[in-house]
Amino acid sequence: MFTIIISAYNEGENLARLLKRMPTQIPKKNILVVDDGSSDNTHEIAESLGVQVVKHEVNRGKGAAIRTGLDAAKTDTVVLMDGDNQHDPAEADKLLEALESNDMVIGSRFLQKNEMPVHRNIANMLLSAITCMRGPCITDPISGYRALRKGKFKGLKETGFNLELELLYNARLHNLRIAEVPITVPFIRKKGSVLNSLPRAIRIYGSMTLYSLKRALLG
C-alpha cells in the first residue's frame, strides 16, 4: 500500500485535471491533497473529487505542506507529487517499482530531453554539481516527483523549496539507498508561478544553492 501526497497552493484548476488523470487502480482513499493555505477553490476541488484533504489555514510553504502530508499519511510508502498537473500519475508505477530496492527514488526530468527554460536548466545543473560533492551525482535534486519510505526520514525541518534537498542530504547522511528514474514533464508557463518570474526564481534558486552548499560542505 502507498499514499500519493499532492502539495497544492492555488492550483484548483490544475489539481482537478491532475486528479482526473489518476489511474483507476489507485483508490481515492490513497490520495492525500495538502492545500497550503490557498485562496482559490483548491480545497473544494479536492473534496468534490473524493480524495483526502488537509488544509493549512495560511500559506506555510511547499516543504511544510509535504511534511504535513508525511505526518498524515497512514502508509510508510509515499509518492510525492506537485499539484500543478505537470507530473504524470501513470509514471508513479516505475518510481514504486524502483523503490522496492531503495529508500528514495527521484523522478528525474534530466535523464531525457526536457522543455524547461534555460535559466531553470542552468540552475539545476549547478545544484546537481553541488550534490556531486557529497556522494553519487543526482541529475534532478529538486524534483518534486519522488517515492520514499517515510519512516527513514525523521526530523525534517525545512518549510520551503529546500525540503527536497533536505530529503536528499538526510538520505546520504544516514547511508540510505537513492535511485533516479526518468520522468516526462512538459513545461507549462503558469501565470503567477513563482518560478516563472525571473527575479523570484533567482531568489528561490539562490536560497536552494546556499542551502545545498552548506549541506554538501558541512553535512
N, C-alpha and C. Protein backbone atom coordinates (compact mmCIF):
# COMPACT_ATOMS: atom_id res chain seq x y z
N MET A 1 0.84 -1.19 0.00
CA MET A 1 0.00 0.00 0.00
C MET A 1 0.88 1.25 0.00
N PHE A 2 0.36 2.29 -0.58
CA PHE A 2 1.10 3.55 -0.64
C PHE A 2 0.10 4.70 -0.63
N THR A 3 0.62 5.88 -0.31
CA THR A 3 -0.19 7.11 -0.34
C THR A 3 0.46 8.10 -1.30
N ILE A 4 -0.35 8.69 -2.16
CA ILE A 4 0.13 9.77 -3.02
C ILE A 4 -0.16 11.09 -2.31
N ILE A 5 0.89 11.85 -2.03
CA ILE A 5 0.76 13.14 -1.36
C ILE A 5 0.95 14.24 -2.39
N ILE A 6 -0.06 15.08 -2.53
CA ILE A 6 -0.02 16.16 -3.51
C ILE A 6 -0.05 17.50 -2.77
N SER A 7 1.03 18.26 -2.88
CA SER A 7 1.06 19.59 -2.27
C SER A 7 0.52 20.60 -3.29
N ALA A 8 -0.36 21.48 -2.84
CA ALA A 8 -1.02 22.39 -3.78
C ALA A 8 -1.25 23.75 -3.13
N TYR A 9 -0.96 24.79 -3.90
CA TYR A 9 -1.24 26.16 -3.46
C TYR A 9 -1.84 26.93 -4.63
N ASN A 10 -3.13 27.28 -4.50
CA ASN A 10 -3.87 27.98 -5.57
C ASN A 10 -3.77 27.22 -6.90
N GLU A 11 -4.07 25.94 -6.83
CA GLU A 11 -3.97 25.08 -8.02
C GLU A 11 -5.30 24.42 -8.37
N GLY A 12 -6.42 25.06 -8.00
CA GLY A 12 -7.72 24.43 -8.19
C GLY A 12 -7.93 23.83 -9.58
N GLU A 13 -7.72 24.61 -10.62
CA GLU A 13 -7.96 24.14 -11.98
C GLU A 13 -6.98 23.04 -12.38
N ASN A 14 -5.70 23.23 -12.08
CA ASN A 14 -4.70 22.22 -12.41
C ASN A 14 -4.88 20.96 -11.58
N LEU A 15 -5.24 21.13 -10.32
CA LEU A 15 -5.45 19.98 -9.45
C LEU A 15 -6.60 19.12 -9.95
N ALA A 16 -7.66 19.74 -10.41
CA ALA A 16 -8.80 18.98 -10.95
C ALA A 16 -8.35 18.12 -12.14
N ARG A 17 -7.55 18.70 -13.02
CA ARG A 17 -7.05 17.94 -14.18
C ARG A 17 -6.16 16.78 -13.72
N LEU A 18 -5.30 17.06 -12.74
CA LEU A 18 -4.39 16.03 -12.26
C LEU A 18 -5.15 14.86 -11.63
N LEU A 19 -6.11 15.16 -10.78
CA LEU A 19 -6.85 14.10 -10.10
C LEU A 19 -7.67 13.26 -11.08
N LYS A 20 -8.15 13.89 -12.14
CA LYS A 20 -8.93 13.15 -13.14
C LYS A 20 -8.03 12.27 -14.01
N ARG A 21 -6.72 12.51 -13.99
CA ARG A 21 -5.78 11.69 -14.74
C ARG A 21 -5.27 10.50 -13.93
N MET A 22 -5.64 10.43 -12.66
CA MET A 22 -5.13 9.34 -11.82
C MET A 22 -5.59 8.00 -12.36
N PRO A 23 -4.68 7.01 -12.43
CA PRO A 23 -5.08 5.68 -12.87
C PRO A 23 -6.21 5.13 -12.00
N THR A 24 -7.15 4.45 -12.61
CA THR A 24 -8.33 3.98 -11.88
C THR A 24 -7.99 2.98 -10.80
N GLN A 25 -6.83 2.31 -10.92
CA GLN A 25 -6.47 1.31 -9.92
C GLN A 25 -5.97 1.92 -8.61
N ILE A 26 -5.77 3.25 -8.60
CA ILE A 26 -5.35 3.91 -7.36
C ILE A 26 -6.60 4.38 -6.61
N PRO A 27 -6.91 3.78 -5.47
CA PRO A 27 -8.11 4.19 -4.73
C PRO A 27 -8.02 5.65 -4.28
N LYS A 28 -9.14 6.33 -4.28
CA LYS A 28 -9.15 7.74 -3.86
C LYS A 28 -8.70 7.90 -2.42
N LYS A 29 -8.93 6.88 -1.60
CA LYS A 29 -8.51 6.96 -0.20
C LYS A 29 -6.99 6.96 -0.07
N ASN A 30 -6.29 6.58 -1.14
CA ASN A 30 -4.82 6.56 -1.13
C ASN A 30 -4.22 7.88 -1.63
N ILE A 31 -5.08 8.85 -1.92
CA ILE A 31 -4.60 10.14 -2.44
C ILE A 31 -4.88 11.22 -1.39
N LEU A 32 -3.83 11.93 -1.00
CA LEU A 32 -3.93 12.96 0.02
C LEU A 32 -3.47 14.29 -0.55
N VAL A 33 -4.36 15.27 -0.59
CA VAL A 33 -4.02 16.61 -1.05
C VAL A 33 -3.79 17.50 0.17
N VAL A 34 -2.66 18.18 0.18
CA VAL A 34 -2.40 19.17 1.23
C VAL A 34 -2.53 20.56 0.61
N ASP A 35 -3.60 21.25 0.98
CA ASP A 35 -3.86 22.60 0.49
C ASP A 35 -3.10 23.57 1.39
N ASP A 36 -2.08 24.21 0.82
CA ASP A 36 -1.20 25.05 1.61
C ASP A 36 -1.74 26.49 1.72
N GLY A 37 -2.93 26.62 2.29
CA GLY A 37 -3.50 27.95 2.53
C GLY A 37 -3.96 28.66 1.28
N SER A 38 -4.49 27.93 0.31
CA SER A 38 -4.91 28.54 -0.96
C SER A 38 -6.05 29.52 -0.76
N SER A 39 -6.08 30.53 -1.65
CA SER A 39 -7.18 31.49 -1.63
C SER A 39 -8.19 31.19 -2.74
N ASP A 40 -7.92 30.16 -3.54
CA ASP A 40 -8.86 29.78 -4.60
C ASP A 40 -9.67 28.57 -4.14
N ASN A 41 -10.15 27.76 -5.07
CA ASN A 41 -11.01 26.63 -4.74
C ASN A 41 -10.28 25.29 -4.67
N THR A 42 -8.99 25.33 -4.40
CA THR A 42 -8.20 24.10 -4.33
C THR A 42 -8.82 23.09 -3.36
N HIS A 43 -9.15 23.54 -2.17
CA HIS A 43 -9.72 22.66 -1.15
C HIS A 43 -11.05 22.06 -1.62
N GLU A 44 -11.91 22.89 -2.16
CA GLU A 44 -13.23 22.43 -2.60
C GLU A 44 -13.11 21.43 -3.76
N ILE A 45 -12.19 21.69 -4.68
CA ILE A 45 -11.98 20.77 -5.81
C ILE A 45 -11.57 19.40 -5.30
N ALA A 46 -10.61 19.37 -4.40
CA ALA A 46 -10.12 18.09 -3.86
C ALA A 46 -11.24 17.34 -3.15
N GLU A 47 -12.00 18.05 -2.34
CA GLU A 47 -13.10 17.38 -1.62
C GLU A 47 -14.15 16.85 -2.59
N SER A 48 -14.46 17.63 -3.62
CA SER A 48 -15.51 17.22 -4.56
C SER A 48 -15.12 15.98 -5.36
N LEU A 49 -13.81 15.73 -5.49
CA LEU A 49 -13.34 14.57 -6.25
C LEU A 49 -13.04 13.39 -5.34
N GLY A 50 -13.38 13.52 -4.07
CA GLY A 50 -13.40 12.37 -3.18
C GLY A 50 -12.08 11.92 -2.59
N VAL A 51 -11.05 12.76 -2.65
CA VAL A 51 -9.77 12.37 -2.07
C VAL A 51 -9.63 12.96 -0.67
N GLN A 52 -8.64 12.49 0.07
CA GLN A 52 -8.37 13.04 1.39
C GLN A 52 -7.81 14.46 1.24
N VAL A 53 -8.18 15.33 2.16
CA VAL A 53 -7.70 16.71 2.10
C VAL A 53 -7.29 17.19 3.49
N VAL A 54 -6.12 17.82 3.56
CA VAL A 54 -5.68 18.52 4.76
C VAL A 54 -5.42 19.96 4.33
N LYS A 55 -5.90 20.92 5.11
CA LYS A 55 -5.75 22.33 4.71
C LYS A 55 -5.00 23.12 5.75
N HIS A 56 -3.97 23.84 5.30
CA HIS A 56 -3.32 24.85 6.14
C HIS A 56 -4.17 26.11 6.12
N GLU A 57 -4.33 26.73 7.27
CA GLU A 57 -5.12 27.96 7.33
C GLU A 57 -4.40 29.12 6.66
N VAL A 58 -3.08 29.09 6.66
CA VAL A 58 -2.28 30.12 5.97
C VAL A 58 -1.23 29.41 5.13
N ASN A 59 -0.69 30.13 4.16
CA ASN A 59 0.36 29.58 3.32
C ASN A 59 1.65 29.43 4.13
N ARG A 60 2.13 28.19 4.25
CA ARG A 60 3.31 27.92 5.08
C ARG A 60 4.51 27.48 4.26
N GLY A 61 4.34 27.23 2.96
CA GLY A 61 5.46 26.81 2.13
C GLY A 61 5.35 25.37 1.68
N LYS A 62 5.96 25.08 0.54
CA LYS A 62 5.87 23.73 -0.03
C LYS A 62 6.42 22.66 0.91
N GLY A 63 7.55 22.96 1.53
CA GLY A 63 8.13 21.98 2.45
C GLY A 63 7.22 21.67 3.61
N ALA A 64 6.58 22.70 4.15
CA ALA A 64 5.64 22.50 5.26
C ALA A 64 4.46 21.65 4.81
N ALA A 65 3.99 21.87 3.57
CA ALA A 65 2.87 21.07 3.05
C ALA A 65 3.27 19.60 2.91
N ILE A 66 4.48 19.35 2.43
CA ILE A 66 4.95 17.97 2.29
C ILE A 66 5.08 17.33 3.66
N ARG A 67 5.61 18.06 4.63
CA ARG A 67 5.76 17.50 5.98
C ARG A 67 4.41 17.18 6.59
N THR A 68 3.42 18.05 6.36
CA THR A 68 2.07 17.77 6.83
C THR A 68 1.54 16.50 6.20
N GLY A 69 1.77 16.34 4.90
CA GLY A 69 1.32 15.13 4.21
C GLY A 69 1.99 13.88 4.74
N LEU A 70 3.30 13.96 5.00
CA LEU A 70 4.02 12.81 5.54
C LEU A 70 3.48 12.44 6.92
N ASP A 71 3.17 13.43 7.73
CA ASP A 71 2.61 13.16 9.06
C ASP A 71 1.23 12.52 8.97
N ALA A 72 0.45 12.94 7.98
CA ALA A 72 -0.94 12.47 7.87
C ALA A 72 -1.06 11.12 7.17
N ALA A 73 -0.08 10.77 6.34
CA ALA A 73 -0.15 9.52 5.58
C ALA A 73 -0.12 8.32 6.51
N LYS A 74 -0.98 7.36 6.25
CA LYS A 74 -1.08 6.17 7.10
C LYS A 74 -0.20 5.02 6.60
N THR A 75 0.46 5.22 5.47
CA THR A 75 1.35 4.19 4.93
C THR A 75 2.79 4.67 5.01
N ASP A 76 3.72 3.72 5.09
CA ASP A 76 5.13 4.09 5.12
C ASP A 76 5.62 4.47 3.73
N THR A 77 5.08 3.82 2.70
CA THR A 77 5.46 4.14 1.33
C THR A 77 4.61 5.28 0.81
N VAL A 78 5.27 6.35 0.37
CA VAL A 78 4.54 7.51 -0.14
C VAL A 78 5.13 7.95 -1.48
N VAL A 79 4.29 8.57 -2.30
CA VAL A 79 4.72 9.19 -3.54
C VAL A 79 4.41 10.67 -3.43
N LEU A 80 5.41 11.52 -3.61
CA LEU A 80 5.22 12.96 -3.57
C LEU A 80 5.02 13.48 -4.99
N MET A 81 4.05 14.36 -5.14
CA MET A 81 3.69 14.87 -6.46
C MET A 81 3.24 16.32 -6.32
N ASP A 82 3.59 17.17 -7.28
CA ASP A 82 3.14 18.56 -7.26
C ASP A 82 1.71 18.67 -7.80
N GLY A 83 1.00 19.69 -7.35
CA GLY A 83 -0.40 19.85 -7.73
C GLY A 83 -0.63 20.64 -9.00
N ASP A 84 0.44 20.96 -9.75
CA ASP A 84 0.29 21.81 -10.93
C ASP A 84 0.02 21.04 -12.22
N ASN A 85 -0.19 19.74 -12.11
CA ASN A 85 -0.56 18.89 -13.25
C ASN A 85 0.59 18.68 -14.24
N GLN A 86 1.82 18.90 -13.81
CA GLN A 86 2.94 18.64 -14.70
C GLN A 86 3.49 17.22 -14.54
N HIS A 87 3.16 16.56 -13.45
CA HIS A 87 3.61 15.18 -13.24
C HIS A 87 2.56 14.21 -13.78
N ASP A 88 3.02 13.15 -14.41
CA ASP A 88 2.13 12.14 -14.98
C ASP A 88 1.90 11.06 -13.93
N PRO A 89 0.67 10.94 -13.41
CA PRO A 89 0.40 9.94 -12.37
C PRO A 89 0.70 8.51 -12.82
N ALA A 90 0.61 8.27 -14.11
CA ALA A 90 0.88 6.91 -14.61
C ALA A 90 2.34 6.51 -14.40
N GLU A 91 3.22 7.50 -14.22
CA GLU A 91 4.64 7.18 -14.03
C GLU A 91 4.96 6.82 -12.58
N ALA A 92 3.98 6.91 -11.68
CA ALA A 92 4.22 6.53 -10.29
C ALA A 92 4.64 5.07 -10.18
N ASP A 93 4.13 4.24 -11.07
CA ASP A 93 4.45 2.81 -11.02
C ASP A 93 5.95 2.55 -11.11
N LYS A 94 6.64 3.28 -11.99
CA LYS A 94 8.08 3.00 -12.13
C LYS A 94 8.88 3.53 -10.94
N LEU A 95 8.38 4.58 -10.29
CA LEU A 95 9.03 5.03 -9.06
C LEU A 95 8.86 3.99 -7.96
N LEU A 96 7.65 3.47 -7.85
CA LEU A 96 7.37 2.47 -6.82
C LEU A 96 8.12 1.16 -7.08
N GLU A 97 8.25 0.80 -8.33
CA GLU A 97 9.00 -0.42 -8.67
C GLU A 97 10.46 -0.27 -8.25
N ALA A 98 11.05 0.89 -8.55
CA ALA A 98 12.44 1.13 -8.16
C ALA A 98 12.60 1.22 -6.65
N LEU A 99 11.54 1.66 -5.96
CA LEU A 99 11.60 1.80 -4.50
C LEU A 99 11.72 0.45 -3.80
N GLU A 100 11.37 -0.62 -4.46
CA GLU A 100 11.46 -1.95 -3.85
C GLU A 100 12.88 -2.26 -3.39
N SER A 101 13.88 -1.69 -4.06
CA SER A 101 15.27 -1.94 -3.69
C SER A 101 15.98 -0.66 -3.25
N ASN A 102 15.20 0.37 -2.92
CA ASN A 102 15.78 1.65 -2.50
C ASN A 102 14.94 2.27 -1.38
N ASP A 103 15.46 3.34 -0.79
CA ASP A 103 14.74 4.07 0.25
C ASP A 103 14.10 5.34 -0.28
N MET A 104 14.64 5.88 -1.38
CA MET A 104 14.03 7.02 -2.05
C MET A 104 14.36 6.94 -3.54
N VAL A 105 13.35 7.20 -4.36
CA VAL A 105 13.52 7.21 -5.81
C VAL A 105 13.07 8.57 -6.32
N ILE A 106 13.94 9.25 -7.05
CA ILE A 106 13.66 10.58 -7.56
C ILE A 106 13.31 10.49 -9.04
N GLY A 107 12.19 11.10 -9.42
CA GLY A 107 11.83 11.18 -10.83
C GLY A 107 12.61 12.31 -11.48
N SER A 108 13.51 11.98 -12.39
CA SER A 108 14.39 12.99 -12.97
C SER A 108 13.88 13.50 -14.31
N ARG A 109 13.86 14.82 -14.42
CA ARG A 109 13.49 15.48 -15.67
C ARG A 109 14.68 15.60 -16.61
N PHE A 110 15.85 15.20 -16.16
CA PHE A 110 17.08 15.45 -16.91
C PHE A 110 17.76 14.18 -17.40
N LEU A 111 17.10 13.05 -17.27
CA LEU A 111 17.64 11.81 -17.84
C LEU A 111 17.19 11.64 -19.28
N GLN A 112 16.38 12.58 -19.73
CA GLN A 112 15.96 12.62 -21.14
C GLN A 112 15.67 14.07 -21.49
N LYS A 113 15.40 14.35 -22.74
CA LYS A 113 15.18 15.71 -23.19
C LYS A 113 13.99 16.34 -22.46
N ASN A 114 14.13 17.62 -22.10
CA ASN A 114 13.04 18.33 -21.41
C ASN A 114 12.78 19.67 -22.07
N GLU A 115 11.68 20.31 -21.66
CA GLU A 115 11.25 21.56 -22.26
C GLU A 115 11.41 22.75 -21.33
N MET A 116 12.23 22.60 -20.30
CA MET A 116 12.35 23.66 -19.31
C MET A 116 13.13 24.85 -19.85
N PRO A 117 12.85 26.07 -19.33
CA PRO A 117 13.59 27.26 -19.75
C PRO A 117 15.08 27.15 -19.42
N VAL A 118 15.88 27.91 -20.14
CA VAL A 118 17.33 27.84 -19.97
C VAL A 118 17.75 28.13 -18.53
N HIS A 119 17.13 29.16 -17.90
CA HIS A 119 17.57 29.52 -16.56
C HIS A 119 17.30 28.40 -15.54
N ARG A 120 16.24 27.65 -15.76
CA ARG A 120 15.98 26.52 -14.85
C ARG A 120 16.96 25.40 -15.08
N ASN A 121 17.28 25.12 -16.33
CA ASN A 121 18.25 24.07 -16.63
C ASN A 121 19.62 24.41 -16.04
N ILE A 122 20.03 25.68 -16.18
CA ILE A 122 21.33 26.08 -15.64
C ILE A 122 21.34 25.96 -14.11
N ALA A 123 20.26 26.43 -13.48
CA ALA A 123 20.18 26.36 -12.01
C ALA A 123 20.22 24.92 -11.54
N ASN A 124 19.52 24.04 -12.26
CA ASN A 124 19.52 22.64 -11.85
C ASN A 124 20.88 21.99 -12.05
N MET A 125 21.58 22.36 -13.12
CA MET A 125 22.93 21.83 -13.36
C MET A 125 23.87 22.23 -12.22
N LEU A 126 23.72 23.47 -11.73
CA LEU A 126 24.54 23.94 -10.62
C LEU A 126 24.24 23.15 -9.35
N LEU A 127 22.95 22.99 -9.05
CA LEU A 127 22.58 22.24 -7.86
C LEU A 127 23.04 20.79 -7.95
N SER A 128 22.91 20.20 -9.15
CA SER A 128 23.35 18.83 -9.35
C SER A 128 24.86 18.71 -9.12
N ALA A 129 25.63 19.69 -9.62
CA ALA A 129 27.08 19.67 -9.44
C ALA A 129 27.45 19.74 -7.96
N ILE A 130 26.68 20.55 -7.21
CA ILE A 130 26.96 20.65 -5.77
C ILE A 130 26.68 19.34 -5.06
N THR A 131 25.58 18.66 -5.44
CA THR A 131 25.26 17.39 -4.79
C THR A 131 26.35 16.35 -5.07
N CYS A 132 27.05 16.49 -6.20
CA CYS A 132 28.12 15.55 -6.53
C CYS A 132 29.30 15.67 -5.56
N MET A 133 29.36 16.77 -4.82
CA MET A 133 30.45 16.95 -3.87
C MET A 133 30.34 16.00 -2.70
N ARG A 134 29.15 15.47 -2.48
CA ARG A 134 28.94 14.61 -1.31
C ARG A 134 28.10 13.40 -1.74
N GLY A 135 28.76 12.42 -2.30
CA GLY A 135 28.05 11.21 -2.70
C GLY A 135 27.78 11.18 -4.19
N PRO A 136 27.09 10.14 -4.65
CA PRO A 136 26.80 9.98 -6.08
C PRO A 136 26.01 11.17 -6.63
N CYS A 137 26.27 11.51 -7.89
CA CYS A 137 25.58 12.64 -8.52
C CYS A 137 24.10 12.33 -8.73
N ILE A 138 23.27 13.32 -8.49
CA ILE A 138 21.83 13.23 -8.75
C ILE A 138 21.52 14.27 -9.81
N THR A 139 20.90 13.86 -10.90
CA THR A 139 20.67 14.78 -12.02
C THR A 139 19.56 15.78 -11.73
N ASP A 140 18.63 15.44 -10.83
CA ASP A 140 17.49 16.32 -10.57
C ASP A 140 17.20 16.39 -9.07
N PRO A 141 18.09 17.03 -8.31
CA PRO A 141 17.96 17.01 -6.85
C PRO A 141 16.74 17.72 -6.30
N ILE A 142 16.09 18.58 -7.11
CA ILE A 142 14.92 19.31 -6.59
C ILE A 142 13.62 18.85 -7.25
N SER A 143 13.64 17.69 -7.86
CA SER A 143 12.41 17.16 -8.45
C SER A 143 11.34 16.98 -7.38
N GLY A 144 10.11 17.40 -7.70
CA GLY A 144 9.01 17.24 -6.77
C GLY A 144 8.32 15.89 -6.86
N TYR A 145 8.73 15.08 -7.84
CA TYR A 145 8.10 13.78 -8.06
C TYR A 145 9.06 12.72 -7.56
N ARG A 146 8.70 12.09 -6.45
CA ARG A 146 9.58 11.07 -5.87
C ARG A 146 8.79 10.12 -4.99
N ALA A 147 9.33 8.95 -4.79
CA ALA A 147 8.75 7.95 -3.90
C ALA A 147 9.75 7.68 -2.79
N LEU A 148 9.26 7.45 -1.58
CA LEU A 148 10.17 7.20 -0.47
C LEU A 148 9.49 6.43 0.65
N ARG A 149 10.32 5.91 1.52
CA ARG A 149 9.84 5.24 2.74
C ARG A 149 9.92 6.27 3.87
N LYS A 150 8.77 6.79 4.26
CA LYS A 150 8.78 7.97 5.14
C LYS A 150 9.39 7.68 6.51
N GLY A 151 9.35 6.44 6.93
CA GLY A 151 9.93 6.09 8.22
C GLY A 151 11.43 6.29 8.28
N LYS A 152 12.07 6.39 7.11
CA LYS A 152 13.51 6.60 7.03
C LYS A 152 13.88 8.08 7.13
N PHE A 153 12.87 8.95 7.07
CA PHE A 153 13.14 10.39 7.00
C PHE A 153 12.49 11.10 8.18
N LYS A 154 13.14 11.06 9.31
CA LYS A 154 12.63 11.69 10.52
C LYS A 154 13.29 13.06 10.73
N GLY A 155 12.61 13.91 11.45
CA GLY A 155 13.21 15.18 11.87
C GLY A 155 13.41 16.20 10.77
N LEU A 156 12.55 16.18 9.75
CA LEU A 156 12.65 17.19 8.69
C LEU A 156 12.33 18.57 9.23
N LYS A 157 13.05 19.58 8.74
CA LYS A 157 12.91 20.93 9.29
C LYS A 157 12.52 21.99 8.27
N GLU A 158 12.86 21.79 7.01
CA GLU A 158 12.65 22.84 6.01
C GLU A 158 11.16 23.04 5.72
N THR A 159 10.78 24.29 5.45
CA THR A 159 9.37 24.59 5.16
C THR A 159 9.15 25.05 3.72
N GLY A 160 10.22 25.39 3.03
CA GLY A 160 10.09 25.88 1.66
C GLY A 160 10.58 24.89 0.63
N PHE A 161 11.09 25.41 -0.50
CA PHE A 161 11.55 24.56 -1.58
C PHE A 161 12.78 23.73 -1.20
N ASN A 162 13.47 24.11 -0.15
CA ASN A 162 14.67 23.37 0.27
C ASN A 162 14.35 21.97 0.80
N LEU A 163 13.09 21.69 1.06
CA LEU A 163 12.72 20.40 1.64
C LEU A 163 13.20 19.24 0.77
N GLU A 164 13.09 19.37 -0.56
CA GLU A 164 13.51 18.28 -1.43
C GLU A 164 15.01 18.04 -1.34
N LEU A 165 15.79 19.12 -1.15
CA LEU A 165 17.22 18.97 -0.93
C LEU A 165 17.50 18.36 0.44
N GLU A 166 16.72 18.74 1.44
CA GLU A 166 16.90 18.17 2.78
C GLU A 166 16.69 16.66 2.76
N LEU A 167 15.68 16.21 2.02
CA LEU A 167 15.45 14.76 1.90
C LEU A 167 16.68 14.07 1.32
N LEU A 168 17.27 14.68 0.29
CA LEU A 168 18.43 14.08 -0.36
C LEU A 168 19.64 14.02 0.58
N TYR A 169 19.96 15.14 1.21
CA TYR A 169 21.14 15.16 2.07
C TYR A 169 20.94 14.32 3.32
N ASN A 170 19.72 14.27 3.86
CA ASN A 170 19.47 13.40 5.01
C ASN A 170 19.62 11.94 4.62
N ALA A 171 19.18 11.60 3.41
CA ALA A 171 19.34 10.22 2.93
C ALA A 171 20.81 9.84 2.88
N ARG A 172 21.62 10.74 2.38
CA ARG A 172 23.06 10.46 2.30
C ARG A 172 23.69 10.40 3.69
N LEU A 173 23.25 11.29 4.58
CA LEU A 173 23.79 11.31 5.94
C LEU A 173 23.58 9.97 6.64
N HIS A 174 22.45 9.33 6.35
CA HIS A 174 22.11 8.06 7.00
C HIS A 174 22.36 6.86 6.10
N ASN A 175 23.13 7.07 5.03
CA ASN A 175 23.51 5.97 4.12
C ASN A 175 22.30 5.23 3.55
N LEU A 176 21.27 5.98 3.20
CA LEU A 176 20.09 5.36 2.59
C LEU A 176 20.33 5.16 1.10
N ARG A 177 19.55 4.27 0.53
CA ARG A 177 19.69 3.94 -0.89
C ARG A 177 18.84 4.89 -1.73
N ILE A 178 19.48 5.54 -2.72
CA ILE A 178 18.82 6.53 -3.57
C ILE A 178 18.96 6.12 -5.02
N ALA A 179 17.89 6.27 -5.79
CA ALA A 179 17.93 5.98 -7.22
C ALA A 179 17.15 7.05 -7.97
N GLU A 180 17.38 7.13 -9.28
CA GLU A 180 16.63 8.02 -10.15
C GLU A 180 16.01 7.23 -11.28
N VAL A 181 14.85 7.66 -11.73
CA VAL A 181 14.23 7.11 -12.93
C VAL A 181 13.79 8.28 -13.80
N PRO A 182 13.79 8.14 -15.12
CA PRO A 182 13.38 9.25 -15.98
C PRO A 182 11.88 9.49 -15.93
N ILE A 183 11.48 10.75 -15.92
CA ILE A 183 10.06 11.10 -16.00
C ILE A 183 9.89 12.14 -17.11
N THR A 184 8.67 12.23 -17.61
CA THR A 184 8.34 13.19 -18.66
C THR A 184 7.55 14.33 -18.05
N VAL A 185 8.09 15.54 -18.13
CA VAL A 185 7.43 16.70 -17.55
C VAL A 185 7.35 17.81 -18.58
N PRO A 186 6.18 18.03 -19.19
CA PRO A 186 6.04 19.15 -20.13
C PRO A 186 6.05 20.46 -19.36
N PHE A 187 6.82 21.42 -19.82
CA PHE A 187 6.86 22.71 -19.13
C PHE A 187 5.61 23.51 -19.46
N ILE A 188 4.92 23.94 -18.41
CA ILE A 188 3.72 24.76 -18.57
C ILE A 188 3.98 26.11 -17.93
N ARG A 189 3.92 27.17 -18.71
CA ARG A 189 4.15 28.51 -18.16
C ARG A 189 2.88 28.99 -17.47
N LYS A 190 2.82 28.73 -16.19
CA LYS A 190 1.62 29.07 -15.42
C LYS A 190 1.69 30.51 -14.92
N LYS A 191 0.66 31.27 -15.20
CA LYS A 191 0.60 32.65 -14.74
C LYS A 191 0.64 32.69 -13.22
N GLY A 192 1.55 33.52 -12.69
CA GLY A 192 1.64 33.68 -11.25
C GLY A 192 2.60 32.74 -10.57
N SER A 193 3.16 31.78 -11.30
CA SER A 193 4.10 30.85 -10.69
C SER A 193 5.34 31.59 -10.25
N VAL A 194 5.82 31.31 -9.04
CA VAL A 194 7.00 32.00 -8.52
C VAL A 194 8.23 31.68 -9.35
N LEU A 195 8.27 30.50 -9.98
CA LEU A 195 9.46 30.13 -10.74
C LEU A 195 9.41 30.62 -12.18
N ASN A 196 8.29 31.19 -12.60
CA ASN A 196 8.22 31.78 -13.94
C ASN A 196 8.61 33.24 -13.93
N SER A 197 8.72 33.84 -12.75
CA SER A 197 9.21 35.20 -12.61
C SER A 197 10.71 35.12 -12.37
N LEU A 198 11.50 35.69 -13.28
CA LEU A 198 12.96 35.54 -13.19
C LEU A 198 13.53 36.06 -11.86
N PRO A 199 13.13 37.25 -11.37
CA PRO A 199 13.68 37.71 -10.09
C PRO A 199 13.34 36.76 -8.94
N ARG A 200 12.11 36.28 -8.90
CA ARG A 200 11.73 35.35 -7.83
C ARG A 200 12.46 34.03 -7.99
N ALA A 201 12.60 33.59 -9.24
CA ALA A 201 13.31 32.33 -9.48
C ALA A 201 14.75 32.44 -9.01
N ILE A 202 15.39 33.58 -9.29
CA ILE A 202 16.77 33.79 -8.85
C ILE A 202 16.86 33.73 -7.33
N ARG A 203 15.88 34.37 -6.66
CA ARG A 203 15.88 34.37 -5.20
C ARG A 203 15.69 32.96 -4.65
N ILE A 204 14.76 32.19 -5.22
CA ILE A 204 14.49 30.84 -4.74
C ILE A 204 15.65 29.91 -5.03
N TYR A 205 16.14 29.95 -6.27
CA TYR A 205 17.28 29.09 -6.61
C TYR A 205 18.53 29.51 -5.84
N GLY A 206 18.66 30.80 -5.56
CA GLY A 206 19.79 31.25 -4.74
C GLY A 206 19.74 30.66 -3.35
N SER A 207 18.54 30.65 -2.76
CA SER A 207 18.36 30.06 -1.44
C SER A 207 18.68 28.57 -1.46
N MET A 208 18.23 27.87 -2.51
CA MET A 208 18.50 26.44 -2.61
C MET A 208 19.98 26.17 -2.80
N THR A 209 20.66 27.03 -3.57
CA THR A 209 22.09 26.85 -3.80
C THR A 209 22.87 27.02 -2.50
N LEU A 210 22.54 28.05 -1.72
CA LEU A 210 23.21 28.28 -0.45
C LEU A 210 22.97 27.13 0.51
N TYR A 211 21.73 26.64 0.55
CA TYR A 211 21.40 25.51 1.42
C TYR A 211 22.20 24.27 1.00
N SER A 212 22.24 24.03 -0.31
CA SER A 212 22.93 22.85 -0.83
C SER A 212 24.44 22.92 -0.54
N LEU A 213 25.03 24.10 -0.72
CA LEU A 213 26.46 24.27 -0.42
C LEU A 213 26.73 23.99 1.07
N LYS A 214 25.87 24.51 1.93
CA LYS A 214 26.05 24.30 3.37
C LYS A 214 25.98 22.82 3.71
N ARG A 215 24.98 22.12 3.15
CA ARG A 215 24.85 20.70 3.45
C ARG A 215 25.96 19.87 2.84
N ALA A 216 26.39 20.25 1.62
CA ALA A 216 27.45 19.49 0.95
C ALA A 216 28.79 19.64 1.69
N LEU A 217 29.02 20.83 2.25
CA LEU A 217 30.30 21.08 2.91
C LEU A 217 30.31 20.68 4.39
N LEU A 218 29.15 20.85 5.05
CA LEU A 218 29.09 20.63 6.48
C LEU A 218 28.33 19.37 6.88
N GLY A 219 27.53 18.81 5.94
CA GLY A 219 26.77 17.61 6.24
C GLY A 219 25.41 17.91 6.81
